[in-house]
Protein backbone atom coordinates (compact mmCIF):
# COMPACT_ATOMS: atom_id res chain seq x y z
CA MET A 1 0.03 0.03 -0.07
CA ALA A 2 1.43 3.25 -0.98
CA SER A 3 1.97 5.81 1.85
CA GLN A 4 0.07 9.10 1.88
CA ASN A 5 1.75 12.27 0.83
CA GLN A 6 1.92 15.03 3.05
CA GLU A 7 -1.00 16.92 1.56
CA SER A 8 -3.30 14.20 2.38
CA LEU A 9 -1.90 13.82 5.94
CA PHE A 10 -2.38 17.26 6.48
CA TYR A 11 -6.12 17.07 5.44
CA ASP A 12 -6.72 13.85 7.56
CA TYR A 13 -4.92 15.59 10.51
CA ILE A 14 -7.08 19.02 10.40
CA ARG A 15 -10.52 17.00 10.03
CA ARG A 16 -9.49 15.06 13.19
CA LEU A 17 -9.07 18.48 14.74
CA GLU A 18 -12.67 19.28 14.17
CA HIS A 19 -13.58 18.70 17.81
CA HIS A 20 -10.23 20.00 19.34
CA ARG A 21 -9.60 23.13 17.36
CA GLN A 22 -9.53 25.48 20.27
CA GLY A 23 -6.17 26.68 21.52
CA ARG A 24 -4.51 25.89 18.44
CA GLU A 25 -2.68 28.05 15.48
CA MET A 26 -1.58 27.16 12.11
CA LEU A 27 1.72 28.77 10.63
CA TYR A 28 1.73 28.76 6.54
CA LEU A 29 5.34 29.24 5.22
CA HIS A 30 5.24 30.32 1.41
CA LEU A 31 8.61 28.81 0.58
CA SER A 32 7.37 28.11 -2.97
CA LYS A 33 7.54 32.06 -3.49
CA LEU A 34 11.13 32.14 -2.60
CA ARG A 35 13.48 32.70 -5.34
CA PRO A 36 14.69 29.24 -6.98
CA PHE A 37 18.07 29.24 -5.58
CA ASN A 38 16.67 29.64 -1.82
CA ARG A 39 14.29 26.63 -2.26
CA ARG A 40 16.81 24.00 -2.76
CA GLU A 41 16.22 20.62 -0.79
CA HIS A 42 18.69 21.51 2.03
CA HIS A 43 17.05 24.90 2.35
CA ILE A 44 13.73 23.14 2.98
CA ARG A 45 15.15 20.66 5.29
CA VAL A 46 16.79 23.23 7.72
CA ALA A 47 13.61 25.37 7.70
CA ALA A 48 11.58 22.33 8.77
CA ASP A 49 14.25 21.35 11.50
CA ALA A 50 13.41 24.77 12.97
CA PHE A 51 10.25 23.38 14.09
CA GLU A 52 11.33 19.66 15.06
CA THR A 53 11.95 20.16 18.70
CA MET A 54 8.20 21.22 19.05
CA VAL A 55 6.94 18.32 16.98
CA LYS A 56 9.21 15.69 19.40
CA GLU A 57 7.45 17.66 22.53
CA LEU A 58 3.98 16.97 20.98
CA LEU A 59 3.42 20.48 20.96
CA GLY A 60 2.67 20.77 16.99
CA GLN A 61 2.73 18.86 13.99
CA ILE A 62 4.44 20.08 10.67
CA PHE A 63 3.69 19.04 7.02
CA VAL A 64 6.27 19.69 4.14
CA LEU A 65 4.09 20.05 0.87
CA LYS A 66 5.44 18.99 -2.50
CA ASN A 67 5.89 22.61 -3.90
CA ALA A 68 8.23 23.31 -0.66
CA ASP A 69 5.63 25.29 1.33
CA ILE A 70 5.54 24.26 5.12
CA ILE A 71 2.46 24.29 7.43
CA PHE A 72 3.02 23.94 11.19
CA ILE A 73 -0.22 23.71 13.15
CA PHE A 74 0.48 23.79 17.26
CA LYS A 75 -0.48 24.66 20.53
CA THR A 76 -0.98 28.22 21.54
CA GLU A 77 1.28 27.69 24.51
CA ALA A 78 4.13 27.27 22.21
CA MET A 79 3.86 30.54 20.29
CA GLY A 80 6.97 31.83 21.76
CA GLN A 81 9.17 28.82 20.65
CA VAL A 82 7.34 29.04 17.32
CA GLU A 83 8.16 32.86 16.81
CA GLN A 84 12.05 32.19 17.79
CA ALA A 85 11.71 29.17 15.29
CA LEU A 86 10.33 31.55 12.49
CA GLU A 87 13.27 34.21 13.10
CA ASN A 88 15.77 31.75 12.41
CA VAL A 89 14.09 30.56 9.36
CA LYS A 90 13.47 34.12 8.30
CA PHE A 91 17.40 34.63 8.63
CA LEU A 92 18.23 31.66 6.41
CA PHE A 93 16.32 33.24 3.54
CA GLY A 94 17.28 37.11 4.56
CA ASP A 95 18.73 37.94 1.12
CA ASP A 96 15.35 36.86 -0.57
CA PRO A 97 13.10 39.75 -2.11
CA LEU A 98 10.02 37.76 -0.30
CA LEU A 99 11.26 38.87 3.05
CA SER A 100 11.53 42.34 2.13
CA GLU A 101 8.02 42.24 1.35
CA GLU A 102 7.20 40.64 4.68
CA GLU A 103 9.02 43.37 6.46
CA ALA A 104 7.38 46.05 4.58
CA HIS A 105 3.83 44.86 4.46
CA GLY A 106 3.63 42.07 7.16
CA HIS A 107 2.64 39.31 4.58
CA GLY A 108 4.18 37.43 1.62
CA PHE A 109 6.38 34.72 3.37
CA THR A 110 3.87 33.94 6.14
CA THR A 111 0.41 33.53 6.86
CA TRP A 112 -1.15 32.91 10.18
CA PHE A 113 -4.46 31.10 10.86
CA ASP A 114 -6.49 30.74 14.31
CA VAL A 115 -7.46 26.98 13.92
CA ALA A 116 -10.86 27.85 15.89
CA THR A 117 -12.20 30.76 13.90
CA ASP A 118 -10.59 30.01 10.43
CA TYR A 119 -11.50 26.03 10.57
CA GLU A 120 -13.83 25.87 7.62
CA ASP A 121 -11.19 27.82 5.41
CA ILE A 122 -8.27 25.34 6.44
CA VAL A 123 -10.36 22.39 5.68
CA ASN A 124 -11.19 23.80 2.13
CA MET A 125 -7.37 24.75 1.63
CA ALA A 126 -6.45 20.99 2.49
CA ARG A 127 -9.24 19.65 0.36
CA THR A 128 -8.23 21.24 -2.70
CA MET A 129 -4.65 20.60 -2.24
CA VAL A 130 -5.53 16.80 -2.12
CA GLU A 131 -7.62 17.07 -5.27
CA ASN A 132 -5.22 19.03 -6.97
CA GLU A 133 -2.62 16.32 -6.08
CA LYS A 134 -4.91 13.48 -7.37
CA ASN A 135 -5.46 15.29 -10.63
CA ALA A 136 -1.44 15.73 -10.92
CA GLY A 137 -1.19 12.28 -10.28
CA MET A 138 -3.47 11.01 -13.09
CA ASP A 139 -1.95 13.43 -15.68
CA GLY A 140 1.71 12.68 -14.69
CA GLY A 141 1.67 8.66 -14.81
CA LEU A 142 5.21 7.63 -14.14
CA GLY A 143 6.43 11.03 -13.60
CA GLN A 144 7.50 10.69 -10.19
CA ASP A 145 9.16 7.60 -10.95
CA VAL A 146 11.41 9.28 -13.83
CA LYS A 147 12.11 12.25 -11.23
CA ALA A 148 13.17 9.71 -8.54
CA ALA A 149 15.35 7.88 -10.96
CA LEU A 150 17.14 11.00 -12.38
CA LEU A 151 17.66 11.88 -8.77
CA ALA A 152 19.50 8.90 -8.07
CA LYS A 153 21.48 9.04 -11.24
CA GLN A 154 22.44 12.47 -10.49
CA GLU A 155 23.57 11.81 -7.12
CA GLU A 156 26.13 9.13 -8.33
CA GLY A 157 26.43 11.08 -11.61
CA GLU A 158 27.95 10.21 -14.83
CA ARG A 159 31.73 11.03 -15.37
CA MET A 160 32.43 14.46 -16.93
CA THR A 161 34.35 13.72 -20.68
CA PRO A 162 36.14 16.44 -22.72
CA ARG A 163 32.81 16.59 -24.87
CA THR A 164 30.63 17.39 -21.82
CA LEU A 165 33.11 19.83 -20.50
CA ASP A 166 32.88 21.51 -23.90
CA ARG A 167 28.93 21.51 -23.63
CA VAL A 168 29.25 23.27 -20.13
CA ILE A 169 31.45 25.95 -21.17
CA GLU A 170 29.13 26.70 -24.22
CA ALA A 171 26.10 26.76 -22.00
CA LEU A 172 27.92 29.16 -19.33
CA LYS A 173 28.40 31.63 -22.13
CA ALA A 174 24.52 32.56 -21.90
CA ALA A 175 23.57 31.16 -18.41
CA ASP A 176 22.82 33.82 -15.72
CA LEU A 177 24.75 32.68 -12.95
CA THR A 178 23.32 35.70 -10.61
CA ASN A 179 21.19 33.13 -8.81
CA MET A 180 23.80 30.55 -8.21
CA VAL A 181 26.04 33.09 -6.25
CA ARG A 182 26.52 32.04 -2.88
CA ARG A 183 27.77 34.06 0.46
CA GLN A 184 29.22 32.52 3.45
CA TYR A 185 30.41 34.55 6.44
CA ILE A 186 33.77 34.04 8.18
CA CYS A 187 33.72 35.52 11.79
CA GLU A 188 35.09 36.39 14.78
CA VAL A 189 33.84 34.19 17.61
CA GLU A 190 33.87 35.69 21.27
CA GLY A 191 32.88 35.31 24.80
CA ALA A 192 31.26 32.64 26.78
CA GLN A 193 27.96 32.67 24.53
CA ASN A 194 30.27 32.38 21.33
CA VAL A 195 29.09 35.79 19.81
CA PRO A 196 30.06 35.90 16.13
CA THR A 197 31.14 38.89 14.42
CA GLN A 198 31.21 39.24 10.79
CA LYS A 199 34.75 39.93 9.27
CA LEU A 200 34.77 38.79 5.73
CA SER A 201 32.35 37.00 3.43
CA GLU A 202 33.36 34.56 0.80
CA LEU A 203 31.36 34.60 -2.42
CA PHE A 204 31.21 31.44 -4.54
CA ILE A 205 29.27 29.64 -7.29
CA SER A 206 27.25 26.76 -6.00
CA ILE A 207 28.54 23.66 -8.22
CA LYS A 208 25.60 21.40 -7.17
CA ASP A 209 23.10 24.25 -8.55
CA LEU A 210 25.20 24.49 -11.76
CA ARG A 211 25.11 20.76 -12.33
CA GLU A 212 21.05 20.83 -11.62
CA THR A 213 20.64 23.84 -13.85
CA LEU A 214 23.05 22.87 -16.77
CA LEU A 215 23.48 19.09 -16.79
CA PRO A 216 21.51 17.21 -14.40
CA GLY A 217 23.05 13.72 -13.93
CA VAL A 218 26.70 14.53 -14.77
CA ASN A 219 29.21 14.39 -12.03
CA LEU A 220 31.36 17.83 -12.74
CA THR A 221 34.18 17.11 -10.31
CA SER A 222 34.69 13.45 -11.42
CA SER A 223 37.72 14.48 -13.31
CA PRO A 224 40.15 16.71 -11.45
CA TRP A 225 41.68 18.13 -14.73
CA LEU A 226 38.61 18.83 -16.57
CA PHE A 227 36.89 20.31 -13.44
CA GLN A 228 40.10 22.70 -13.30
CA HIS A 229 39.43 23.86 -16.82
CA LEU A 230 35.73 24.33 -15.85
CA THR A 231 36.60 26.40 -12.73
CA GLU A 232 38.61 28.58 -14.89
CA THR A 233 35.63 29.33 -17.04
CA LEU A 234 33.51 29.93 -13.77
CA ASP A 235 36.37 32.32 -12.58
CA ARG A 236 35.79 34.46 -15.83
CA ARG A 237 31.94 34.51 -15.39
CA VAL A 238 32.19 35.52 -11.68
CA LEU A 239 34.81 38.20 -12.30
CA SER A 240 32.18 39.34 -15.05
CA LEU A 241 29.62 39.58 -12.53
CA LEU A 242 31.41 41.27 -9.87
CA SER A 243 32.62 43.79 -12.58
CA LYS A 244 28.82 44.93 -12.88
CA THR A 245 27.90 47.50 -10.51
CA GLU A 246 24.60 46.82 -10.39
CA GLU A 247 24.99 43.05 -9.62
CA ARG A 248 27.58 42.89 -7.04
CA ASP A 249 26.03 44.47 -3.95
CA ILE A 250 29.48 44.33 -2.12
CA THR A 251 29.64 45.43 1.34
CA GLY A 252 32.57 44.98 3.92
CA ASP A 253 35.65 42.62 3.13
CA ILE A 254 34.98 39.74 0.55
CA SER A 255 36.97 36.90 -0.49
CA ILE A 256 36.47 34.96 -3.74
CA ASN A 257 38.23 31.51 -4.95
CA LEU A 258 39.92 31.79 -7.94
CA ASN A 259 42.61 29.52 -10.00
CA VAL A 260 46.35 31.30 -10.42
CA GLY A 261 45.80 31.11 -14.02
CA THR A 262 42.99 33.48 -13.81
CA LEU A 263 45.04 36.28 -12.00
CA LEU A 264 47.27 36.58 -15.20
CA SER A 265 44.21 36.82 -17.38
CA SER A 266 42.68 39.62 -19.35
CA GLU A 267 39.32 39.15 -17.36
CA PHE A 268 41.08 39.67 -14.14
CA MET A 269 42.72 42.90 -15.66
CA LYS A 270 39.40 44.02 -16.67
CA PHE A 271 38.11 43.53 -13.10
CA ASP A 272 40.76 45.19 -11.65
CA GLU A 273 40.12 48.34 -13.63
CA ASN A 274 36.66 48.29 -12.46
CA VAL A 275 37.63 47.97 -8.67
CA ILE A 276 38.01 51.28 -6.84
CA ALA A 277 41.43 51.45 -5.51
CA ALA A 278 40.41 51.81 -2.03
CA MET A 279 38.43 48.50 -2.22
CA ARG A 280 41.28 46.35 -3.48
CA GLY A 281 42.55 45.94 0.11
CA ASN A 282 38.95 44.65 1.12
CA ILE A 283 39.43 41.70 -1.37
CA VAL A 284 40.98 38.50 -0.27
CA LEU A 285 41.83 36.10 -3.46
CA GLU A 286 41.58 32.88 -2.32
CA LEU A 287 43.78 30.05 -4.22
CA GLN A 288 43.77 26.40 -3.82
CA GLN A 289 47.05 24.79 -2.36
CA LEU A 290 47.17 22.31 -5.30
CA ASP A 291 46.87 25.10 -7.89
CA VAL A 292 49.55 26.93 -6.08
CA PHE A 293 52.24 24.01 -5.98
CA SER A 294 51.42 22.67 -9.62
CA ASP A 295 53.01 25.62 -11.10
CA LEU A 296 54.81 27.63 -8.17
CA ASN A 297 56.61 29.95 -10.79
CA ALA A 298 53.14 31.19 -11.95
CA TYR A 299 51.94 31.76 -8.38
CA LEU A 300 54.89 33.58 -7.45
CA PHE A 301 54.68 36.10 -10.61
CA ALA A 302 50.68 36.06 -10.03
CA ARG A 303 51.34 36.95 -6.35
CA GLU A 304 53.88 40.06 -7.03
CA TYR A 305 50.96 41.62 -9.30
CA VAL A 306 47.82 41.17 -7.09
CA LYS A 307 49.70 42.05 -3.86
CA THR A 308 51.08 45.24 -5.77
CA ARG A 309 47.63 46.20 -6.65
CA GLY A 310 46.74 45.95 -3.16
CA TYR A 311 44.76 42.61 -3.06
CA ARG A 312 45.03 40.01 -0.06
CA ILE A 313 45.99 36.44 -0.64
CA CYS A 314 44.63 33.41 1.20
CA ILE A 315 45.92 29.97 0.58
CA ASP A 316 42.91 27.53 0.66
CA GLY A 317 42.29 23.70 0.87
CA VAL A 318 44.97 23.15 3.56
CA ASN A 319 44.28 20.05 5.97
CA TYR A 320 45.97 19.39 9.25
CA LYS A 321 48.25 16.74 7.10
CA THR A 322 49.42 19.24 4.47
CA LEU A 323 50.08 22.23 7.09
CA PRO A 324 53.52 21.53 7.84
CA PHE A 325 54.24 21.83 4.07
CA ILE A 326 52.51 25.54 3.80
CA GLU A 327 55.19 28.15 4.66
CA ARG A 328 52.66 30.94 4.48
CA GLU A 329 55.67 33.66 5.04
CA ARG A 330 57.85 32.38 2.42
CA LEU A 331 54.89 32.08 0.14
CA GLU A 332 54.05 35.64 1.28
CA ALA A 333 50.34 34.98 1.58
CA ASP A 334 48.22 37.07 4.15
CA MET A 335 46.42 34.00 5.57
CA ILE A 336 45.75 30.41 5.08
CA LYS A 337 42.43 28.40 5.24
CA LEU A 338 42.81 25.29 7.43
CA ILE A 339 39.95 22.85 7.01
CA TRP A 340 38.72 21.35 10.42
CA HIS A 341 38.63 17.57 10.79
CA PRO A 342 37.75 15.51 14.24
CA ASP A 343 41.14 13.76 13.78
CA ILE A 344 42.54 16.89 14.90
CA ILE A 345 41.42 16.28 18.48
CA HIS A 346 40.35 12.60 18.17
CA GLY A 347 43.47 11.33 16.39
CA GLY A 348 45.54 11.13 19.42
CA HIS A 349 47.95 13.48 21.64
CA ASP A 350 50.63 13.43 18.99
CA VAL A 351 48.54 14.63 16.15
CA THR A 352 46.74 17.40 18.54
CA ASP A 353 50.09 18.61 19.64
CA ARG A 354 51.47 18.75 16.33
CA VAL A 355 48.59 20.85 14.59
CA LYS A 356 48.98 23.12 17.72
CA ARG A 357 52.44 23.70 16.92
CA GLN A 358 52.02 24.23 13.23
CA ILE A 359 49.34 26.71 13.80
CA ILE A 360 51.54 28.79 16.08
CA LEU A 361 54.43 28.69 13.73
CA THR A 362 51.95 30.07 10.90
CA ASN A 363 50.45 32.65 13.39
CA PRO A 364 47.16 31.82 14.54
CA SER A 365 45.88 35.22 13.93
CA ARG A 366 46.55 34.37 10.19
CA VAL A 367 44.48 31.21 10.15
CA ILE A 368 40.83 30.99 9.09
CA MET A 369 39.66 27.62 10.60
CA THR A 370 36.74 26.19 7.96
CA ARG A 371 34.21 23.77 7.52
CA CYS A 372 33.16 24.32 11.45
CA ASP A 373 30.32 22.18 11.74
CA THR A 374 30.40 21.51 15.32
CA GLU A 375 31.29 23.62 18.49
CA GLU A 376 34.14 21.41 19.34
CA SER A 377 36.03 22.97 16.11
CA ILE A 378 35.69 26.54 17.39
CA GLU A 379 36.86 25.54 21.05
CA PHE A 380 39.87 24.10 19.72
CA GLY A 381 40.57 27.04 17.46
CA ARG A 382 40.11 29.65 20.20
CA ASP A 383 42.23 27.57 22.67
CA VAL A 384 45.19 27.68 20.15
CA GLY A 385 44.79 31.49 19.31
CA ILE A 386 42.86 31.42 16.11
CA LYS A 387 40.30 34.17 15.67
CA LEU A 388 38.35 33.42 12.22
CA PHE A 389 35.89 30.68 11.57
CA GLN A 390 33.72 29.53 8.78
CA GLY A 391 31.42 26.84 8.39
CA ARG A 392 27.85 25.57 9.33
CA HIS A 393 28.06 25.85 12.96
CA VAL A 394 28.96 29.59 12.65
CA GLU A 395 26.14 29.87 10.46
CA ALA A 396 23.94 28.50 13.41
CA LEU A 397 25.80 30.96 15.71
CA ILE A 398 24.85 33.93 13.40
CA ALA A 399 21.02 32.97 13.33
CA GLU A 400 20.86 32.56 16.95
CA GLU A 401 22.88 35.99 17.65
CA ASN A 402 20.23 37.27 14.96
CA ARG A 403 17.30 35.92 17.26
CA ARG A 404 18.78 37.46 20.18
CA ARG A 405 18.91 40.82 18.62
CA SER A 406 15.65 40.75 17.49
CA MET A 407 14.14 39.57 20.97
CA ARG A 408 16.08 42.49 22.49
CA THR A 409 14.72 44.84 19.98
CA LEU A 410 11.10 43.56 20.61
CA LYS A 411 11.57 43.98 24.46
CA LYS A 412 12.74 47.65 24.07
CA ARG A 413 9.69 48.41 21.75
CA ALA A 414 7.43 46.93 24.54
CA ALA A 415 9.11 48.93 27.18
CA ALA A 416 8.75 52.11 25.04
CA HIS A 417 5.03 51.22 24.42
CA GLU A 418 4.20 50.68 28.06
CA LYS A 419 6.14 54.00 29.10
CA GLN A 420 4.28 56.02 26.38
CA ALA A 421 0.91 54.58 27.63
CA GLY A 422 1.74 55.17 31.21
CA ASN A 423 2.57 59.04 30.20
CA LYS A 424 -0.90 59.10 28.40
CA LYS A 425 -2.60 57.87 31.45
CA SER A 426 -0.63 60.59 33.78
CA LEU A 427 -2.01 63.35 31.50
CA THR A 428 -5.45 62.16 31.48
CA LYS A 429 -5.17 62.55 35.22
CA ARG A 430 -3.84 65.92 35.33
CA LYS A 431 -6.79 67.07 33.08
């Protein structure tokens, strides 16, 4: 027997609430209205996870619809937790125009329902969803099976060939990459509460989104050498995007990941011409360690050129095993990115001590600890003197700090409102 889809489960659930509708609210998140690059599968999963704790505590029930919208029905007593979760979700999609509309007009991204008073409307909504799904199933036939097969094939991926590379490069000439540009923050993390302060933001093209858009089913990274050629083409497109003022919206210090060869190209020179001289010191050029050592003479030449122009250099892709071979000062790099790995602290005292010594030799203030997906990565880095961190856990800390700021703002507004109300009462008494 086939399992019910989320639309049917939502319909069944809301009907069972007919005699238990009091004291319940419903939050509808219109994720389907977000820009395509903001509603990838991992975005939807993170948004749904924000409410998962309340589901486990039996305070609510969540439904993730086929169009990516999310419905959360909950007991009124959980309103505070729901508002906190919603703030975290809003932060996740903070760069989407839909959130600006929500802030300006109070709607667009979310719709709130009182289950008791809006019950009939909710039931009709759920019934319509089920009917639409039923009709789509009749029209689609084996469409879902085909899609599932495609996704499975894409997950493994066909190997990229020279002919495939030519097709990708040709497609890139006309492709709009604006929606594939991602930004991830590099932060200082301070204090007992691990408060993040944004110091740098890395701009990059999502290879996964690129694959889904141009060639679903092809593993673009299967051949390191062909992928290297692909990234050179991507470099040129990214520089072209950043050269156009109306499309770059750059604030603060940024970093971009480029190939050594790109720094010697006409595209980089054109990019350099469009960058205000005072801005060059705010731009960090990230170069992969393998790229640097594959042609050291090219790196040395490119390094002299870009540093003369005022840019900073970061050696990326360094792990704890290759760290001893990266002599930052001799390479005249401003910083290096060290990839976090649990073995750094769980691989034995010898490994931990060796990594600590190498970080101190490199100068901890010039090290960015990246791929920090756990709290222990930041704890280790802070203990050894590292100031800058990047990764999923850092993103979570940013979301939490954003939530705290929002709560402080709300409390200030509430206090100001109470004070204003008190002043009005005093004036009334005097009269």
